[in-house]
Amino acid sequence: MRSFQSIYDTAVLHRGSVEAVEENLPKPKTPAQLRKLGDDRYLSELSRRIFRAGLKHSMVDGKWPAFEEVFFGFNPLRVAMMSDEELEGLTHNEAIIRHFGKIKAVRANAIWMQDVIREHGSFGELIAGWEPEHIVDLWALMKKQGAQLGGQSGSRFLRMVGKDTFLLTDDVVAVLKAEGVVEKLPTAKRDLQAAQEAFNLWREESGRSLAEISRIVSYTTGAR
């Protein structure tokens, strides 16, 4: 597997300059910032990610004020108490996206969040306290305990709220395959761990966040 410096040099070659590589790198939030974020904001962003899946993000975002209203500001306790009738009623509300499976997932995730809040004090405490070098285990936990958080939804939600994570985009997976880390898109625990270990090595070498490394790795394919 190539060193991170070799990865970085290739990214600079494809992007044209160091400045072009550095200018739009994601900057993760600090643990203190993640703890400060309210449980309602975590539920809102988690739900937004679920509704974005397979749809144009700008369309979902344009409707989000209406989602905030119908889901009571995404207060986890209130959403967890929503009745089946309330959820079914939302399928007739033209102001939101009327996908019943995703609507039900909002309540299911609110119920899960309540369990996390009881155990950790807040959802942000769970997110903030998770070490980046084991981030794929947090993906697995969200997939197992949450609703509609499989695939890349968990990692993309974490990126949305500012938690340090890498993403398994097509470009990143292409590089991992070329480096002999994985043979295909990692989904099995063993392959996810192999990807984690590769990013951990690059993180140790560079001192950069997983999020920055992930973006830089994606630049090495030449995609703009």
Protein backbone atom coordinates (compact mmCIF):
# COMPACT_ATOMS: atom_id res chain seq x y z
CA MET A 1 0.00 0.00 0.00
CA ARG A 2 1.33 3.42 -0.93
CA SER A 3 2.32 5.98 1.67
CA PHE A 4 0.02 8.91 2.32
CA GLN A 5 2.65 11.25 0.86
CA SER A 6 2.46 9.36 -2.42
CA ILE A 7 -1.35 9.59 -2.29
CA TYR A 8 -1.13 13.31 -1.62
CA ASP A 9 1.36 13.93 -4.43
CA THR A 10 -0.97 12.15 -6.85
CA ALA A 11 -3.90 14.25 -5.65
CA VAL A 12 -1.90 17.43 -6.26
CA LEU A 13 -1.02 16.19 -9.73
CA HIS A 14 -4.66 15.60 -10.60
CA ARG A 15 -6.03 18.76 -8.98
CA GLY A 16 -3.28 21.00 -10.33
CA SER A 17 -1.91 22.49 -7.11
CA VAL A 18 -1.60 22.10 -3.37
CA GLU A 19 -4.08 24.95 -2.97
CA ALA A 20 -6.67 23.14 -5.08
CA VAL A 21 -6.33 20.06 -2.87
CA GLU A 22 -6.51 21.97 0.39
CA GLU A 23 -9.24 24.51 -0.32
CA ASN A 24 -12.35 22.34 0.11
CA LEU A 25 -11.26 19.67 2.58
CA PRO A 26 -13.90 18.81 5.21
CA LYS A 27 -13.09 19.90 8.77
CA PRO A 28 -14.58 17.66 11.47
CA LYS A 29 -16.04 19.19 14.62
CA THR A 30 -14.32 18.80 17.95
CA PRO A 31 -15.77 16.43 20.57
CA ALA A 32 -16.92 19.49 22.51
CA GLN A 33 -18.81 20.81 19.49
CA LEU A 34 -20.42 17.41 18.88
CA ARG A 35 -21.55 17.21 22.51
CA LYS A 36 -23.05 20.69 22.28
CA LEU A 37 -25.25 19.78 19.32
CA GLY A 38 -28.78 19.05 20.55
CA ASP A 39 -30.47 15.69 20.31
CA ASP A 40 -33.15 17.26 18.11
CA ARG A 41 -30.48 18.34 15.61
CA TYR A 42 -29.04 14.84 15.49
CA LEU A 43 -32.48 13.38 14.79
CA SER A 44 -33.14 16.04 12.17
CA GLU A 45 -29.90 15.37 10.30
CA LEU A 46 -30.29 11.61 10.64
CA SER A 47 -33.76 11.87 9.13
CA ARG A 48 -32.59 14.24 6.42
CA ARG A 49 -29.93 11.72 5.40
CA ILE A 50 -32.53 8.96 5.16
CA PHE A 51 -34.84 11.06 2.98
CA ARG A 52 -31.93 12.22 0.81
CA ALA A 53 -31.05 8.63 -0.11
CA GLY A 54 -31.92 8.12 -3.77
CA LEU A 55 -33.29 11.65 -4.18
CA LYS A 56 -31.92 15.02 -5.21
CA HIS A 57 -30.52 16.59 -2.06
CA SER A 58 -31.65 20.10 -2.94
CA MET A 59 -35.24 18.90 -3.31
CA VAL A 60 -35.18 17.25 0.13
CA ASP A 61 -33.51 20.29 1.70
CA GLY A 62 -36.12 22.59 0.19
CA LYS A 63 -38.86 20.66 1.96
CA TRP A 64 -37.01 20.37 5.26
CA PRO A 65 -38.73 23.30 7.03
CA ALA A 66 -42.02 21.42 6.55
CA PHE A 67 -40.42 18.25 7.97
CA GLU A 68 -39.28 20.25 11.01
CA GLU A 69 -42.86 21.37 11.56
CA VAL A 70 -44.62 18.02 11.17
CA PHE A 71 -42.05 16.21 13.30
CA PHE A 72 -42.26 18.71 16.18
CA GLY A 73 -38.80 20.14 15.66
CA PHE A 74 -37.44 16.58 15.77
CA ASN A 75 -37.71 16.42 19.54
CA PRO A 76 -36.78 12.73 20.06
CA LEU A 77 -39.18 12.20 22.96
CA ARG A 78 -42.16 13.70 21.13
CA VAL A 79 -41.39 11.91 17.87
CA ALA A 80 -40.96 8.60 19.70
CA MET A 81 -44.51 9.06 21.02
CA MET A 82 -46.10 9.64 17.62
CA SER A 83 -48.98 7.26 16.97
CA ASP A 84 -49.44 5.08 13.92
CA GLU A 85 -52.34 7.32 12.95
CA GLU A 86 -50.12 10.42 13.10
CA LEU A 87 -47.54 8.77 10.89
CA GLU A 88 -50.14 7.59 8.41
CA GLY A 89 -51.56 11.09 8.30
CA LEU A 90 -48.23 12.40 7.09
CA THR A 91 -48.55 10.31 3.92
CA HIS A 92 -51.27 12.76 2.85
CA ASN A 93 -49.18 15.87 3.55
CA GLU A 94 -47.98 17.26 0.22
CA ALA A 95 -45.49 19.58 1.93
CA ILE A 96 -43.17 16.66 2.70
CA ILE A 97 -41.92 13.54 0.93
CA ARG A 98 -44.63 10.97 1.48
CA HIS A 99 -42.52 7.83 1.69
CA PHE A 100 -44.12 5.78 4.45
CA GLY A 101 -41.10 3.57 5.07
CA LYS A 102 -38.89 6.61 5.66
CA ILE A 103 -41.56 8.35 7.71
CA LYS A 104 -41.75 5.32 10.00
CA ALA A 105 -37.94 5.29 10.23
CA VAL A 106 -38.00 8.75 11.82
CA ARG A 107 -40.04 7.41 14.75
CA ALA A 108 -37.98 4.23 14.96
CA ASN A 109 -34.77 6.26 15.18
CA ALA A 110 -36.29 8.57 17.78
CA ILE A 111 -37.06 5.54 19.92
CA TRP A 112 -33.49 4.28 19.48
CA MET A 113 -32.15 7.73 20.36
CA GLN A 114 -34.13 7.68 23.58
CA ASP A 115 -32.33 4.48 24.54
CA VAL A 116 -28.97 6.09 23.74
CA ILE A 117 -29.86 9.22 25.70
CA ARG A 118 -30.79 7.17 28.76
CA GLU A 119 -27.47 5.32 28.58
CA HIS A 120 -25.11 8.16 27.65
CA GLY A 121 -26.93 11.32 28.71
CA SER A 122 -27.23 12.59 25.14
CA PHE A 123 -26.89 11.28 21.61
CA GLY A 124 -24.02 13.68 21.09
CA GLU A 125 -22.10 12.01 23.90
CA LEU A 126 -22.16 8.71 22.01
CA ILE A 127 -21.04 10.35 18.77
CA ALA A 128 -18.37 12.56 20.35
CA GLY A 129 -16.86 9.78 22.43
CA TRP A 130 -16.40 7.31 19.59
CA GLU A 131 -12.75 7.04 18.54
CA PRO A 132 -12.14 7.67 14.82
CA GLU A 133 -9.83 4.66 14.54
CA HIS A 134 -12.87 2.44 15.19
CA ILE A 135 -15.41 4.42 13.19
CA VAL A 136 -16.61 1.42 11.15
CA ASP A 137 -17.85 -0.08 14.42
CA LEU A 138 -20.07 2.97 14.88
CA TRP A 139 -21.37 2.43 11.35
CA ALA A 140 -22.20 -1.15 12.32
CA LEU A 141 -23.96 -0.08 15.52
CA MET A 142 -26.12 2.43 13.66
CA LYS A 143 -26.99 -0.16 11.03
CA LYS A 144 -27.96 -2.71 13.69
CA GLN A 145 -29.82 -0.48 16.13
CA GLY A 146 -31.13 2.30 13.91
CA ALA A 147 -33.59 2.21 11.03
CA GLN A 148 -32.59 2.58 7.37
CA LEU A 149 -28.98 3.27 8.31
CA GLY A 150 -27.32 0.54 6.32
CA GLY A 151 -25.15 1.03 3.25
CA GLN A 152 -23.50 4.43 3.35
CA SER A 153 -26.28 6.24 5.20
CA GLY A 154 -24.58 5.93 8.59
CA SER A 155 -21.22 7.30 7.44
CA ARG A 156 -22.83 10.11 5.45
CA PHE A 157 -24.94 11.11 8.43
CA LEU A 158 -21.78 11.31 10.52
CA ARG A 159 -20.15 13.51 7.90
CA MET A 160 -23.23 15.75 7.88
CA VAL A 161 -23.04 16.39 11.64
CA GLY A 162 -19.27 16.87 11.59
CA LYS A 163 -18.05 13.59 13.07
CA ASP A 164 -14.71 12.51 11.69
CA THR A 165 -15.24 9.62 9.28
CA PHE A 166 -14.13 8.44 5.89
CA LEU A 167 -16.63 7.74 3.12
CA LEU A 168 -16.66 4.77 0.80
CA THR A 169 -17.39 6.72 -2.37
CA ASP A 170 -16.76 5.13 -5.75
CA ASP A 171 -13.45 7.00 -6.02
CA VAL A 172 -12.27 5.94 -2.57
CA VAL A 173 -13.22 2.32 -3.16
CA ALA A 174 -11.39 2.38 -6.50
CA VAL A 175 -8.22 3.46 -4.72
CA LEU A 176 -8.61 0.88 -1.96
CA LYS A 177 -8.98 -1.80 -4.62
CA ALA A 178 -5.94 -0.56 -6.52
CA GLU A 179 -3.91 -0.62 -3.30
CA GLY A 180 -4.95 -4.21 -2.61
CA VAL A 181 -6.87 -3.31 0.54
CA VAL A 182 -10.21 -4.69 -0.67
CA GLU A 183 -11.47 -6.49 -3.76
CA LYS A 184 -14.88 -4.80 -3.94
CA LEU A 185 -17.08 -2.30 -2.11
CA PRO A 186 -16.57 -3.20 1.56
CA THR A 187 -19.72 -4.51 3.21
CA ALA A 188 -18.52 -7.50 5.25
CA LYS A 189 -16.98 -6.83 8.65
CA ARG A 190 -13.57 -8.11 7.55
CA ASP A 191 -13.43 -5.81 4.52
CA LEU A 192 -14.65 -2.81 6.48
CA GLN A 193 -11.95 -3.44 9.05
CA ALA A 194 -9.34 -3.66 6.29
CA ALA A 195 -10.48 -0.26 5.00
CA GLN A 196 -10.37 1.13 8.53
CA GLU A 197 -6.81 -0.12 9.03
CA ALA A 198 -5.69 1.49 5.78
CA PHE A 199 -7.14 4.83 6.83
CA ASN A 200 -5.65 4.46 10.29
CA LEU A 201 -2.19 4.02 8.78
CA TRP A 202 -2.61 7.09 6.58
CA ARG A 203 -3.96 9.02 9.58
CA GLU A 204 -0.97 8.06 11.73
CA GLU A 205 1.45 9.01 8.95
CA SER A 206 -0.15 12.34 8.05
CA GLY A 207 -1.72 13.57 11.28
CA ARG A 208 -4.82 14.43 9.28
CA SER A 209 -8.43 13.57 9.98
CA LEU A 210 -10.16 10.63 8.33
CA ALA A 211 -12.44 13.08 6.55
CA GLU A 212 -9.53 14.98 5.01
CA ILE A 213 -7.76 11.77 4.00
CA SER A 214 -10.93 10.42 2.43
CA ARG A 215 -11.35 13.53 0.27
CA ILE A 216 -7.67 13.56 -0.72
CA VAL A 217 -7.80 9.87 -1.65
CA SER A 218 -10.82 10.58 -3.87
CA TYR A 219 -8.81 13.25 -5.72
CA THR A 220 -6.24 10.72 -6.87
CA THR A 221 -8.62 9.24 -9.45
CA GLY A 222 -8.60 12.47 -11.40
CA ALA A 223 -12.35 13.01 -10.97
CA ARG A 224 -13.39 16.65 -10.60
